[in-house]
Amino acid sequence: IRDFWRVCSGCTPEARERVVKFLN
């Protein structure tokens, strides 16, 4: 869970940026 990279997407640029920030 902790050490594996993720693919993510958001419905808007802000949503994408926030999910990337969270995952990082």
PDBML (XML) file of the C-alpha atoms, coordinates in Angstrom:
<?xml version="1.0" encoding="UTF-8" ?>
<PDBx:datablock datablockName="MODEL"
   xmlns:PDBx="http://pdbml.pdb.org/schema/pdbx-v50.xsd"
   xmlns:xsi="http://www.w3.org/2001/XMLSchema-instance"
   xsi:schemaLocation="http://pdbml.pdb.org/schema/pdbx-v50.xsd pdbx-v50.xsd">
   <PDBx:atom_siteCategory>
      <PDBx:atom_site id="1">
         <PDBx:B_iso_or_equiv>0.00</PDBx:B_iso_or_equiv>
         <PDBx:Cartn_x>0.000</PDBx:Cartn_x>
         <PDBx:Cartn_y>0.000</PDBx:Cartn_y>
         <PDBx:Cartn_z>0.000</PDBx:Cartn_z>
         <PDBx:auth_asym_id>A</PDBx:auth_asym_id>
         <PDBx:auth_atom_id>CA</PDBx:auth_atom_id>
         <PDBx:auth_comp_id>ILE</PDBx:auth_comp_id>
         <PDBx:auth_seq_id>1</PDBx:auth_seq_id>
         <PDBx:group_PDB>ATOM</PDBx:group_PDB>
         <PDBx:label_alt_id xsi:nil="true" />
         <PDBx:label_asym_id>A</PDBx:label_asym_id>
         <PDBx:label_atom_id>CA</PDBx:label_atom_id>
         <PDBx:label_comp_id>ILE</PDBx:label_comp_id>
         <PDBx:label_entity_id>1</PDBx:label_entity_id>
         <PDBx:label_seq_id>1</PDBx:label_seq_id>
         <PDBx:occupancy>1.00</PDBx:occupancy>
         <PDBx:pdbx_PDB_model_num>1</PDBx:pdbx_PDB_model_num>
         <PDBx:type_symbol>C</PDBx:type_symbol>
      </PDBx:atom_site>
      <PDBx:atom_site id="2">
         <PDBx:B_iso_or_equiv>0.00</PDBx:B_iso_or_equiv>
         <PDBx:Cartn_x>2.668</PDBx:Cartn_x>
         <PDBx:Cartn_y>2.462</PDBx:Cartn_y>
         <PDBx:Cartn_z>1.121</PDBx:Cartn_z>
         <PDBx:auth_asym_id>A</PDBx:auth_asym_id>
         <PDBx:auth_atom_id>CA</PDBx:auth_atom_id>
         <PDBx:auth_comp_id>ARG</PDBx:auth_comp_id>
         <PDBx:auth_seq_id>2</PDBx:auth_seq_id>
         <PDBx:group_PDB>ATOM</PDBx:group_PDB>
         <PDBx:label_alt_id xsi:nil="true" />
         <PDBx:label_asym_id>A</PDBx:label_asym_id>
         <PDBx:label_atom_id>CA</PDBx:label_atom_id>
         <PDBx:label_comp_id>ARG</PDBx:label_comp_id>
         <PDBx:label_entity_id>1</PDBx:label_entity_id>
         <PDBx:label_seq_id>2</PDBx:label_seq_id>
         <PDBx:occupancy>1.00</PDBx:occupancy>
         <PDBx:pdbx_PDB_model_num>1</PDBx:pdbx_PDB_model_num>
         <PDBx:type_symbol>C</PDBx:type_symbol>
      </PDBx:atom_site>
      <PDBx:atom_site id="3">
         <PDBx:B_iso_or_equiv>0.00</PDBx:B_iso_or_equiv>
         <PDBx:Cartn_x>5.545</PDBx:Cartn_x>
         <PDBx:Cartn_y>1.781</PDBx:Cartn_y>
         <PDBx:Cartn_z>-1.282</PDBx:Cartn_z>
         <PDBx:auth_asym_id>A</PDBx:auth_asym_id>
         <PDBx:auth_atom_id>CA</PDBx:auth_atom_id>
         <PDBx:auth_comp_id>ASP</PDBx:auth_comp_id>
         <PDBx:auth_seq_id>3</PDBx:auth_seq_id>
         <PDBx:group_PDB>ATOM</PDBx:group_PDB>
         <PDBx:label_alt_id xsi:nil="true" />
         <PDBx:label_asym_id>A</PDBx:label_asym_id>
         <PDBx:label_atom_id>CA</PDBx:label_atom_id>
         <PDBx:label_comp_id>ASP</PDBx:label_comp_id>
         <PDBx:label_entity_id>1</PDBx:label_entity_id>
         <PDBx:label_seq_id>3</PDBx:label_seq_id>
         <PDBx:occupancy>1.00</PDBx:occupancy>
         <PDBx:pdbx_PDB_model_num>1</PDBx:pdbx_PDB_model_num>
         <PDBx:type_symbol>C</PDBx:type_symbol>
      </PDBx:atom_site>
      <PDBx:atom_site id="4">
         <PDBx:B_iso_or_equiv>0.00</PDBx:B_iso_or_equiv>
         <PDBx:Cartn_x>3.870</PDBx:Cartn_x>
         <PDBx:Cartn_y>1.207</PDBx:Cartn_y>
         <PDBx:Cartn_z>-4.648</PDBx:Cartn_z>
         <PDBx:auth_asym_id>A</PDBx:auth_asym_id>
         <PDBx:auth_atom_id>CA</PDBx:auth_atom_id>
         <PDBx:auth_comp_id>PHE</PDBx:auth_comp_id>
         <PDBx:auth_seq_id>4</PDBx:auth_seq_id>
         <PDBx:group_PDB>ATOM</PDBx:group_PDB>
         <PDBx:label_alt_id xsi:nil="true" />
         <PDBx:label_asym_id>A</PDBx:label_asym_id>
         <PDBx:label_atom_id>CA</PDBx:label_atom_id>
         <PDBx:label_comp_id>PHE</PDBx:label_comp_id>
         <PDBx:label_entity_id>1</PDBx:label_entity_id>
         <PDBx:label_seq_id>4</PDBx:label_seq_id>
         <PDBx:occupancy>1.00</PDBx:occupancy>
         <PDBx:pdbx_PDB_model_num>1</PDBx:pdbx_PDB_model_num>
         <PDBx:type_symbol>C</PDBx:type_symbol>
      </PDBx:atom_site>
      <PDBx:atom_site id="5">
         <PDBx:B_iso_or_equiv>0.00</PDBx:B_iso_or_equiv>
         <PDBx:Cartn_x>3.351</PDBx:Cartn_x>
         <PDBx:Cartn_y>3.994</PDBx:Cartn_y>
         <PDBx:Cartn_z>-7.198</PDBx:Cartn_z>
         <PDBx:auth_asym_id>A</PDBx:auth_asym_id>
         <PDBx:auth_atom_id>CA</PDBx:auth_atom_id>
         <PDBx:auth_comp_id>TRP</PDBx:auth_comp_id>
         <PDBx:auth_seq_id>5</PDBx:auth_seq_id>
         <PDBx:group_PDB>ATOM</PDBx:group_PDB>
         <PDBx:label_alt_id xsi:nil="true" />
         <PDBx:label_asym_id>A</PDBx:label_asym_id>
         <PDBx:label_atom_id>CA</PDBx:label_atom_id>
         <PDBx:label_comp_id>TRP</PDBx:label_comp_id>
         <PDBx:label_entity_id>1</PDBx:label_entity_id>
         <PDBx:label_seq_id>5</PDBx:label_seq_id>
         <PDBx:occupancy>1.00</PDBx:occupancy>
         <PDBx:pdbx_PDB_model_num>1</PDBx:pdbx_PDB_model_num>
         <PDBx:type_symbol>C</PDBx:type_symbol>
      </PDBx:atom_site>
      <PDBx:atom_site id="6">
         <PDBx:B_iso_or_equiv>0.00</PDBx:B_iso_or_equiv>
         <PDBx:Cartn_x>-0.179</PDBx:Cartn_x>
         <PDBx:Cartn_y>5.027</PDBx:Cartn_y>
         <PDBx:Cartn_z>-8.133</PDBx:Cartn_z>
         <PDBx:auth_asym_id>A</PDBx:auth_asym_id>
         <PDBx:auth_atom_id>CA</PDBx:auth_atom_id>
         <PDBx:auth_comp_id>ARG</PDBx:auth_comp_id>
         <PDBx:auth_seq_id>6</PDBx:auth_seq_id>
         <PDBx:group_PDB>ATOM</PDBx:group_PDB>
         <PDBx:label_alt_id xsi:nil="true" />
         <PDBx:label_asym_id>A</PDBx:label_asym_id>
         <PDBx:label_atom_id>CA</PDBx:label_atom_id>
         <PDBx:label_comp_id>ARG</PDBx:label_comp_id>
         <PDBx:label_entity_id>1</PDBx:label_entity_id>
         <PDBx:label_seq_id>6</PDBx:label_seq_id>
         <PDBx:occupancy>1.00</PDBx:occupancy>
         <PDBx:pdbx_PDB_model_num>1</PDBx:pdbx_PDB_model_num>
         <PDBx:type_symbol>C</PDBx:type_symbol>
      </PDBx:atom_site>
      <PDBx:atom_site id="7">
         <PDBx:B_iso_or_equiv>0.00</PDBx:B_iso_or_equiv>
         <PDBx:Cartn_x>-1.998</PDBx:Cartn_x>
         <PDBx:Cartn_y>6.218</PDBx:Cartn_y>
         <PDBx:Cartn_z>-11.197</PDBx:Cartn_z>
         <PDBx:auth_asym_id>A</PDBx:auth_asym_id>
         <PDBx:auth_atom_id>CA</PDBx:auth_atom_id>
         <PDBx:auth_comp_id>VAL</PDBx:auth_comp_id>
         <PDBx:auth_seq_id>7</PDBx:auth_seq_id>
         <PDBx:group_PDB>ATOM</PDBx:group_PDB>
         <PDBx:label_alt_id xsi:nil="true" />
         <PDBx:label_asym_id>A</PDBx:label_asym_id>
         <PDBx:label_atom_id>CA</PDBx:label_atom_id>
         <PDBx:label_comp_id>VAL</PDBx:label_comp_id>
         <PDBx:label_entity_id>1</PDBx:label_entity_id>
         <PDBx:label_seq_id>7</PDBx:label_seq_id>
         <PDBx:occupancy>1.00</PDBx:occupancy>
         <PDBx:pdbx_PDB_model_num>1</PDBx:pdbx_PDB_model_num>
         <PDBx:type_symbol>C</PDBx:type_symbol>
      </PDBx:atom_site>
      <PDBx:atom_site id="8">
         <PDBx:B_iso_or_equiv>0.00</PDBx:B_iso_or_equiv>
         <PDBx:Cartn_x>-4.491</PDBx:Cartn_x>
         <PDBx:Cartn_y>8.960</PDBx:Cartn_y>
         <PDBx:Cartn_z>-10.436</PDBx:Cartn_z>
         <PDBx:auth_asym_id>A</PDBx:auth_asym_id>
         <PDBx:auth_atom_id>CA</PDBx:auth_atom_id>
         <PDBx:auth_comp_id>CYS</PDBx:auth_comp_id>
         <PDBx:auth_seq_id>8</PDBx:auth_seq_id>
         <PDBx:group_PDB>ATOM</PDBx:group_PDB>
         <PDBx:label_alt_id xsi:nil="true" />
         <PDBx:label_asym_id>A</PDBx:label_asym_id>
         <PDBx:label_atom_id>CA</PDBx:label_atom_id>
         <PDBx:label_comp_id>CYS</PDBx:label_comp_id>
         <PDBx:label_entity_id>1</PDBx:label_entity_id>
         <PDBx:label_seq_id>8</PDBx:label_seq_id>
         <PDBx:occupancy>1.00</PDBx:occupancy>
         <PDBx:pdbx_PDB_model_num>1</PDBx:pdbx_PDB_model_num>
         <PDBx:type_symbol>C</PDBx:type_symbol>
      </PDBx:atom_site>
      <PDBx:atom_site id="9">
         <PDBx:B_iso_or_equiv>0.00</PDBx:B_iso_or_equiv>
         <PDBx:Cartn_x>-6.864</PDBx:Cartn_x>
         <PDBx:Cartn_y>11.299</PDBx:Cartn_y>
         <PDBx:Cartn_z>-12.188</PDBx:Cartn_z>
         <PDBx:auth_asym_id>A</PDBx:auth_asym_id>
         <PDBx:auth_atom_id>CA</PDBx:auth_atom_id>
         <PDBx:auth_comp_id>SER</PDBx:auth_comp_id>
         <PDBx:auth_seq_id>9</PDBx:auth_seq_id>
         <PDBx:group_PDB>ATOM</PDBx:group_PDB>
         <PDBx:label_alt_id xsi:nil="true" />
         <PDBx:label_asym_id>A</PDBx:label_asym_id>
         <PDBx:label_atom_id>CA</PDBx:label_atom_id>
         <PDBx:label_comp_id>SER</PDBx:label_comp_id>
         <PDBx:label_entity_id>1</PDBx:label_entity_id>
         <PDBx:label_seq_id>9</PDBx:label_seq_id>
         <PDBx:occupancy>1.00</PDBx:occupancy>
         <PDBx:pdbx_PDB_model_num>1</PDBx:pdbx_PDB_model_num>
         <PDBx:type_symbol>C</PDBx:type_symbol>
      </PDBx:atom_site>
      <PDBx:atom_site id="10">
         <PDBx:B_iso_or_equiv>0.00</PDBx:B_iso_or_equiv>
         <PDBx:Cartn_x>-9.150</PDBx:Cartn_x>
         <PDBx:Cartn_y>14.206</PDBx:Cartn_y>
         <PDBx:Cartn_z>-11.360</PDBx:Cartn_z>
         <PDBx:auth_asym_id>A</PDBx:auth_asym_id>
         <PDBx:auth_atom_id>CA</PDBx:auth_atom_id>
         <PDBx:auth_comp_id>GLY</PDBx:auth_comp_id>
         <PDBx:auth_seq_id>10</PDBx:auth_seq_id>
         <PDBx:group_PDB>ATOM</PDBx:group_PDB>
         <PDBx:label_alt_id xsi:nil="true" />
         <PDBx:label_asym_id>A</PDBx:label_asym_id>
         <PDBx:label_atom_id>CA</PDBx:label_atom_id>
         <PDBx:label_comp_id>GLY</PDBx:label_comp_id>
         <PDBx:label_entity_id>1</PDBx:label_entity_id>
         <PDBx:label_seq_id>10</PDBx:label_seq_id>
         <PDBx:occupancy>1.00</PDBx:occupancy>
         <PDBx:pdbx_PDB_model_num>1</PDBx:pdbx_PDB_model_num>
         <PDBx:type_symbol>C</PDBx:type_symbol>
      </PDBx:atom_site>
      <PDBx:atom_site id="11">
         <PDBx:B_iso_or_equiv>0.00</PDBx:B_iso_or_equiv>
         <PDBx:Cartn_x>-12.246</PDBx:Cartn_x>
         <PDBx:Cartn_y>15.688</PDBx:Cartn_y>
         <PDBx:Cartn_z>-12.971</PDBx:Cartn_z>
         <PDBx:auth_asym_id>A</PDBx:auth_asym_id>
         <PDBx:auth_atom_id>CA</PDBx:auth_atom_id>
         <PDBx:auth_comp_id>CYS</PDBx:auth_comp_id>
         <PDBx:auth_seq_id>11</PDBx:auth_seq_id>
         <PDBx:group_PDB>ATOM</PDBx:group_PDB>
         <PDBx:label_alt_id xsi:nil="true" />
         <PDBx:label_asym_id>A</PDBx:label_asym_id>
         <PDBx:label_atom_id>CA</PDBx:label_atom_id>
         <PDBx:label_comp_id>CYS</PDBx:label_comp_id>
         <PDBx:label_entity_id>1</PDBx:label_entity_id>
         <PDBx:label_seq_id>11</PDBx:label_seq_id>
         <PDBx:occupancy>1.00</PDBx:occupancy>
         <PDBx:pdbx_PDB_model_num>1</PDBx:pdbx_PDB_model_num>
         <PDBx:type_symbol>C</PDBx:type_symbol>
      </PDBx:atom_site>
      <PDBx:atom_site id="12">
         <PDBx:B_iso_or_equiv>0.00</PDBx:B_iso_or_equiv>
         <PDBx:Cartn_x>-10.581</PDBx:Cartn_x>
         <PDBx:Cartn_y>19.127</PDBx:Cartn_y>
         <PDBx:Cartn_z>-12.940</PDBx:Cartn_z>
         <PDBx:auth_asym_id>A</PDBx:auth_asym_id>
         <PDBx:auth_atom_id>CA</PDBx:auth_atom_id>
         <PDBx:auth_comp_id>THR</PDBx:auth_comp_id>
         <PDBx:auth_seq_id>12</PDBx:auth_seq_id>
         <PDBx:group_PDB>ATOM</PDBx:group_PDB>
         <PDBx:label_alt_id xsi:nil="true" />
         <PDBx:label_asym_id>A</PDBx:label_asym_id>
         <PDBx:label_atom_id>CA</PDBx:label_atom_id>
         <PDBx:label_comp_id>THR</PDBx:label_comp_id>
         <PDBx:label_entity_id>1</PDBx:label_entity_id>
         <PDBx:label_seq_id>12</PDBx:label_seq_id>
         <PDBx:occupancy>1.00</PDBx:occupancy>
         <PDBx:pdbx_PDB_model_num>1</PDBx:pdbx_PDB_model_num>
         <PDBx:type_symbol>C</PDBx:type_symbol>
      </PDBx:atom_site>
      <PDBx:atom_site id="13">
         <PDBx:B_iso_or_equiv>0.00</PDBx:B_iso_or_equiv>
         <PDBx:Cartn_x>-6.962</PDBx:Cartn_x>
         <PDBx:Cartn_y>20.300</PDBx:Cartn_y>
         <PDBx:Cartn_z>-12.800</PDBx:Cartn_z>
         <PDBx:auth_asym_id>A</PDBx:auth_asym_id>
         <PDBx:auth_atom_id>CA</PDBx:auth_atom_id>
         <PDBx:auth_comp_id>PRO</PDBx:auth_comp_id>
         <PDBx:auth_seq_id>13</PDBx:auth_seq_id>
         <PDBx:group_PDB>ATOM</PDBx:group_PDB>
         <PDBx:label_alt_id xsi:nil="true" />
         <PDBx:label_asym_id>A</PDBx:label_asym_id>
         <PDBx:label_atom_id>CA</PDBx:label_atom_id>
         <PDBx:label_comp_id>PRO</PDBx:label_comp_id>
         <PDBx:label_entity_id>1</PDBx:label_entity_id>
         <PDBx:label_seq_id>13</PDBx:label_seq_id>
         <PDBx:occupancy>1.00</PDBx:occupancy>
         <PDBx:pdbx_PDB_model_num>1</PDBx:pdbx_PDB_model_num>
         <PDBx:type_symbol>C</PDBx:type_symbol>
      </PDBx:atom_site>
      <PDBx:atom_site id="14">
         <PDBx:B_iso_or_equiv>0.00</PDBx:B_iso_or_equiv>
         <PDBx:Cartn_x>-7.483</PDBx:Cartn_x>
         <PDBx:Cartn_y>21.316</PDBx:Cartn_y>
         <PDBx:Cartn_z>-9.143</PDBx:Cartn_z>
         <PDBx:auth_asym_id>A</PDBx:auth_asym_id>
         <PDBx:auth_atom_id>CA</PDBx:auth_atom_id>
         <PDBx:auth_comp_id>GLU</PDBx:auth_comp_id>
         <PDBx:auth_seq_id>14</PDBx:auth_seq_id>
         <PDBx:group_PDB>ATOM</PDBx:group_PDB>
         <PDBx:label_alt_id xsi:nil="true" />
         <PDBx:label_asym_id>A</PDBx:label_asym_id>
         <PDBx:label_atom_id>CA</PDBx:label_atom_id>
         <PDBx:label_comp_id>GLU</PDBx:label_comp_id>
         <PDBx:label_entity_id>1</PDBx:label_entity_id>
         <PDBx:label_seq_id>14</PDBx:label_seq_id>
         <PDBx:occupancy>1.00</PDBx:occupancy>
         <PDBx:pdbx_PDB_model_num>1</PDBx:pdbx_PDB_model_num>
         <PDBx:type_symbol>C</PDBx:type_symbol>
      </PDBx:atom_site>
      <PDBx:atom_site id="15">
         <PDBx:B_iso_or_equiv>0.00</PDBx:B_iso_or_equiv>
         <PDBx:Cartn_x>-8.854</PDBx:Cartn_x>
         <PDBx:Cartn_y>17.878</PDBx:Cartn_y>
         <PDBx:Cartn_z>-8.242</PDBx:Cartn_z>
         <PDBx:auth_asym_id>A</PDBx:auth_asym_id>
         <PDBx:auth_atom_id>CA</PDBx:auth_atom_id>
         <PDBx:auth_comp_id>ALA</PDBx:auth_comp_id>
         <PDBx:auth_seq_id>15</PDBx:auth_seq_id>
         <PDBx:group_PDB>ATOM</PDBx:group_PDB>
         <PDBx:label_alt_id xsi:nil="true" />
         <PDBx:label_asym_id>A</PDBx:label_asym_id>
         <PDBx:label_atom_id>CA</PDBx:label_atom_id>
         <PDBx:label_comp_id>ALA</PDBx:label_comp_id>
         <PDBx:label_entity_id>1</PDBx:label_entity_id>
         <PDBx:label_seq_id>15</PDBx:label_seq_id>
         <PDBx:occupancy>1.00</PDBx:occupancy>
         <PDBx:pdbx_PDB_model_num>1</PDBx:pdbx_PDB_model_num>
         <PDBx:type_symbol>C</PDBx:type_symbol>
      </PDBx:atom_site>
      <PDBx:atom_site id="16">
         <PDBx:B_iso_or_equiv>0.00</PDBx:B_iso_or_equiv>
         <PDBx:Cartn_x>-5.885</PDBx:Cartn_x>
         <PDBx:Cartn_y>16.207</PDBx:Cartn_y>
         <PDBx:Cartn_z>-9.950</PDBx:Cartn_z>
         <PDBx:auth_asym_id>A</PDBx:auth_asym_id>
         <PDBx:auth_atom_id>CA</PDBx:auth_atom_id>
         <PDBx:auth_comp_id>ARG</PDBx:auth_comp_id>
         <PDBx:auth_seq_id>16</PDBx:auth_seq_id>
         <PDBx:group_PDB>ATOM</PDBx:group_PDB>
         <PDBx:label_alt_id xsi:nil="true" />
         <PDBx:label_asym_id>A</PDBx:label_asym_id>
         <PDBx:label_atom_id>CA</PDBx:label_atom_id>
         <PDBx:label_comp_id>ARG</PDBx:label_comp_id>
         <PDBx:label_entity_id>1</PDBx:label_entity_id>
         <PDBx:label_seq_id>16</PDBx:label_seq_id>
         <PDBx:occupancy>1.00</PDBx:occupancy>
         <PDBx:pdbx_PDB_model_num>1</PDBx:pdbx_PDB_model_num>
         <PDBx:type_symbol>C</PDBx:type_symbol>
      </PDBx:atom_site>
      <PDBx:atom_site id="17">
         <PDBx:B_iso_or_equiv>0.00</PDBx:B_iso_or_equiv>
         <PDBx:Cartn_x>-3.387</PDBx:Cartn_x>
         <PDBx:Cartn_y>18.459</PDBx:Cartn_y>
         <PDBx:Cartn_z>-8.172</PDBx:Cartn_z>
         <PDBx:auth_asym_id>A</PDBx:auth_asym_id>
         <PDBx:auth_atom_id>CA</PDBx:auth_atom_id>
         <PDBx:auth_comp_id>GLU</PDBx:auth_comp_id>
         <PDBx:auth_seq_id>17</PDBx:auth_seq_id>
         <PDBx:group_PDB>ATOM</PDBx:group_PDB>
         <PDBx:label_alt_id xsi:nil="true" />
         <PDBx:label_asym_id>A</PDBx:label_asym_id>
         <PDBx:label_atom_id>CA</PDBx:label_atom_id>
         <PDBx:label_comp_id>GLU</PDBx:label_comp_id>
         <PDBx:label_entity_id>1</PDBx:label_entity_id>
         <PDBx:label_seq_id>17</PDBx:label_seq_id>
         <PDBx:occupancy>1.00</PDBx:occupancy>
         <PDBx:pdbx_PDB_model_num>1</PDBx:pdbx_PDB_model_num>
         <PDBx:type_symbol>C</PDBx:type_symbol>
      </PDBx:atom_site>
      <PDBx:atom_site id="18">
         <PDBx:B_iso_or_equiv>0.00</PDBx:B_iso_or_equiv>
         <PDBx:Cartn_x>-4.994</PDBx:Cartn_x>
         <PDBx:Cartn_y>17.768</PDBx:Cartn_y>
         <PDBx:Cartn_z>-4.809</PDBx:Cartn_z>
         <PDBx:auth_asym_id>A</PDBx:auth_asym_id>
         <PDBx:auth_atom_id>CA</PDBx:auth_atom_id>
         <PDBx:auth_comp_id>ARG</PDBx:auth_comp_id>
         <PDBx:auth_seq_id>18</PDBx:auth_seq_id>
         <PDBx:group_PDB>ATOM</PDBx:group_PDB>
         <PDBx:label_alt_id xsi:nil="true" />
         <PDBx:label_asym_id>A</PDBx:label_asym_id>
         <PDBx:label_atom_id>CA</PDBx:label_atom_id>
         <PDBx:label_comp_id>ARG</PDBx:label_comp_id>
         <PDBx:label_entity_id>1</PDBx:label_entity_id>
         <PDBx:label_seq_id>18</PDBx:label_seq_id>
         <PDBx:occupancy>1.00</PDBx:occupancy>
         <PDBx:pdbx_PDB_model_num>1</PDBx:pdbx_PDB_model_num>
         <PDBx:type_symbol>C</PDBx:type_symbol>
      </PDBx:atom_site>
      <PDBx:atom_site id="19">
         <PDBx:B_iso_or_equiv>0.00</PDBx:B_iso_or_equiv>
         <PDBx:Cartn_x>-5.007</PDBx:Cartn_x>
         <PDBx:Cartn_y>13.979</PDBx:Cartn_y>
         <PDBx:Cartn_z>-5.243</PDBx:Cartn_z>
         <PDBx:auth_asym_id>A</PDBx:auth_asym_id>
         <PDBx:auth_atom_id>CA</PDBx:auth_atom_id>
         <PDBx:auth_comp_id>VAL</PDBx:auth_comp_id>
         <PDBx:auth_seq_id>19</PDBx:auth_seq_id>
         <PDBx:group_PDB>ATOM</PDBx:group_PDB>
         <PDBx:label_alt_id xsi:nil="true" />
         <PDBx:label_asym_id>A</PDBx:label_asym_id>
         <PDBx:label_atom_id>CA</PDBx:label_atom_id>
         <PDBx:label_comp_id>VAL</PDBx:label_comp_id>
         <PDBx:label_entity_id>1</PDBx:label_entity_id>
         <PDBx:label_seq_id>19</PDBx:label_seq_id>
         <PDBx:occupancy>1.00</PDBx:occupancy>
         <PDBx:pdbx_PDB_model_num>1</PDBx:pdbx_PDB_model_num>
         <PDBx:type_symbol>C</PDBx:type_symbol>
      </PDBx:atom_site>
      <PDBx:atom_site id="20">
         <PDBx:B_iso_or_equiv>0.00</PDBx:B_iso_or_equiv>
         <PDBx:Cartn_x>-1.343</PDBx:Cartn_x>
         <PDBx:Cartn_y>14.069</PDBx:Cartn_y>
         <PDBx:Cartn_z>-6.360</PDBx:Cartn_z>
         <PDBx:auth_asym_id>A</PDBx:auth_asym_id>
         <PDBx:auth_atom_id>CA</PDBx:auth_atom_id>
         <PDBx:auth_comp_id>VAL</PDBx:auth_comp_id>
         <PDBx:auth_seq_id>20</PDBx:auth_seq_id>
         <PDBx:group_PDB>ATOM</PDBx:group_PDB>
         <PDBx:label_alt_id xsi:nil="true" />
         <PDBx:label_asym_id>A</PDBx:label_asym_id>
         <PDBx:label_atom_id>CA</PDBx:label_atom_id>
         <PDBx:label_comp_id>VAL</PDBx:label_comp_id>
         <PDBx:label_entity_id>1</PDBx:label_entity_id>
         <PDBx:label_seq_id>20</PDBx:label_seq_id>
         <PDBx:occupancy>1.00</PDBx:occupancy>
         <PDBx:pdbx_PDB_model_num>1</PDBx:pdbx_PDB_model_num>
         <PDBx:type_symbol>C</PDBx:type_symbol>
      </PDBx:atom_site>
      <PDBx:atom_site id="21">
         <PDBx:B_iso_or_equiv>0.00</PDBx:B_iso_or_equiv>
         <PDBx:Cartn_x>-0.479</PDBx:Cartn_x>
         <PDBx:Cartn_y>16.169</PDBx:Cartn_y>
         <PDBx:Cartn_z>-3.281</PDBx:Cartn_z>
         <PDBx:auth_asym_id>A</PDBx:auth_asym_id>
         <PDBx:auth_atom_id>CA</PDBx:auth_atom_id>
         <PDBx:auth_comp_id>LYS</PDBx:auth_comp_id>
         <PDBx:auth_seq_id>21</PDBx:auth_seq_id>
         <PDBx:group_PDB>ATOM</PDBx:group_PDB>
         <PDBx:label_alt_id xsi:nil="true" />
         <PDBx:label_asym_id>A</PDBx:label_asym_id>
         <PDBx:label_atom_id>CA</PDBx:label_atom_id>
         <PDBx:label_comp_id>LYS</PDBx:label_comp_id>
         <PDBx:label_entity_id>1</PDBx:label_entity_id>
         <PDBx:label_seq_id>21</PDBx:label_seq_id>
         <PDBx:occupancy>1.00</PDBx:occupancy>
         <PDBx:pdbx_PDB_model_num>1</PDBx:pdbx_PDB_model_num>
         <PDBx:type_symbol>C</PDBx:type_symbol>
      </PDBx:atom_site>
      <PDBx:atom_site id="22">
         <PDBx:B_iso_or_equiv>0.00</PDBx:B_iso_or_equiv>
         <PDBx:Cartn_x>-2.353</PDBx:Cartn_x>
         <PDBx:Cartn_y>13.738</PDBx:Cartn_y>
         <PDBx:Cartn_z>-1.019</PDBx:Cartn_z>
         <PDBx:auth_asym_id>A</PDBx:auth_asym_id>
         <PDBx:auth_atom_id>CA</PDBx:auth_atom_id>
         <PDBx:auth_comp_id>PHE</PDBx:auth_comp_id>
         <PDBx:auth_seq_id>22</PDBx:auth_seq_id>
         <PDBx:group_PDB>ATOM</PDBx:group_PDB>
         <PDBx:label_alt_id xsi:nil="true" />
         <PDBx:label_asym_id>A</PDBx:label_asym_id>
         <PDBx:label_atom_id>CA</PDBx:label_atom_id>
         <PDBx:label_comp_id>PHE</PDBx:label_comp_id>
         <PDBx:label_entity_id>1</PDBx:label_entity_id>
         <PDBx:label_seq_id>22</PDBx:label_seq_id>
         <PDBx:occupancy>1.00</PDBx:occupancy>
         <PDBx:pdbx_PDB_model_num>1</PDBx:pdbx_PDB_model_num>
         <PDBx:type_symbol>C</PDBx:type_symbol>
      </PDBx:atom_site>
      <PDBx:atom_site id="23">
         <PDBx:B_iso_or_equiv>0.00</PDBx:B_iso_or_equiv>
         <PDBx:Cartn_x>-0.690</PDBx:Cartn_x>
         <PDBx:Cartn_y>10.664</PDBx:Cartn_y>
         <PDBx:Cartn_z>-2.507</PDBx:Cartn_z>
         <PDBx:auth_asym_id>A</PDBx:auth_asym_id>
         <PDBx:auth_atom_id>CA</PDBx:auth_atom_id>
         <PDBx:auth_comp_id>LEU</PDBx:auth_comp_id>
         <PDBx:auth_seq_id>23</PDBx:auth_seq_id>
         <PDBx:group_PDB>ATOM</PDBx:group_PDB>
         <PDBx:label_alt_id xsi:nil="true" />
         <PDBx:label_asym_id>A</PDBx:label_asym_id>
         <PDBx:label_atom_id>CA</PDBx:label_atom_id>
         <PDBx:label_comp_id>LEU</PDBx:label_comp_id>
         <PDBx:label_entity_id>1</PDBx:label_entity_id>
         <PDBx:label_seq_id>23</PDBx:label_seq_id>
         <PDBx:occupancy>1.00</PDBx:occupancy>
         <PDBx:pdbx_PDB_model_num>1</PDBx:pdbx_PDB_model_num>
         <PDBx:type_symbol>C</PDBx:type_symbol>
      </PDBx:atom_site>
      <PDBx:atom_site id="24">
         <PDBx:B_iso_or_equiv>0.00</PDBx:B_iso_or_equiv>
         <PDBx:Cartn_x>2.768</PDBx:Cartn_x>
         <PDBx:Cartn_y>12.251</PDBx:Cartn_y>
         <PDBx:Cartn_z>-2.268</PDBx:Cartn_z>
         <PDBx:auth_asym_id>A</PDBx:auth_asym_id>
         <PDBx:auth_atom_id>CA</PDBx:auth_atom_id>
         <PDBx:auth_comp_id>ASN</PDBx:auth_comp_id>
         <PDBx:auth_seq_id>24</PDBx:auth_seq_id>
         <PDBx:group_PDB>ATOM</PDBx:group_PDB>
         <PDBx:label_alt_id xsi:nil="true" />
         <PDBx:label_asym_id>A</PDBx:label_asym_id>
         <PDBx:label_atom_id>CA</PDBx:label_atom_id>
         <PDBx:label_comp_id>ASN</PDBx:label_comp_id>
         <PDBx:label_entity_id>1</PDBx:label_entity_id>
         <PDBx:label_seq_id>24</PDBx:label_seq_id>
         <PDBx:occupancy>1.00</PDBx:occupancy>
         <PDBx:pdbx_PDB_model_num>1</PDBx:pdbx_PDB_model_num>
         <PDBx:type_symbol>C</PDBx:type_symbol>
      </PDBx:atom_site>
   </PDBx:atom_siteCategory>
</PDBx:datablock>
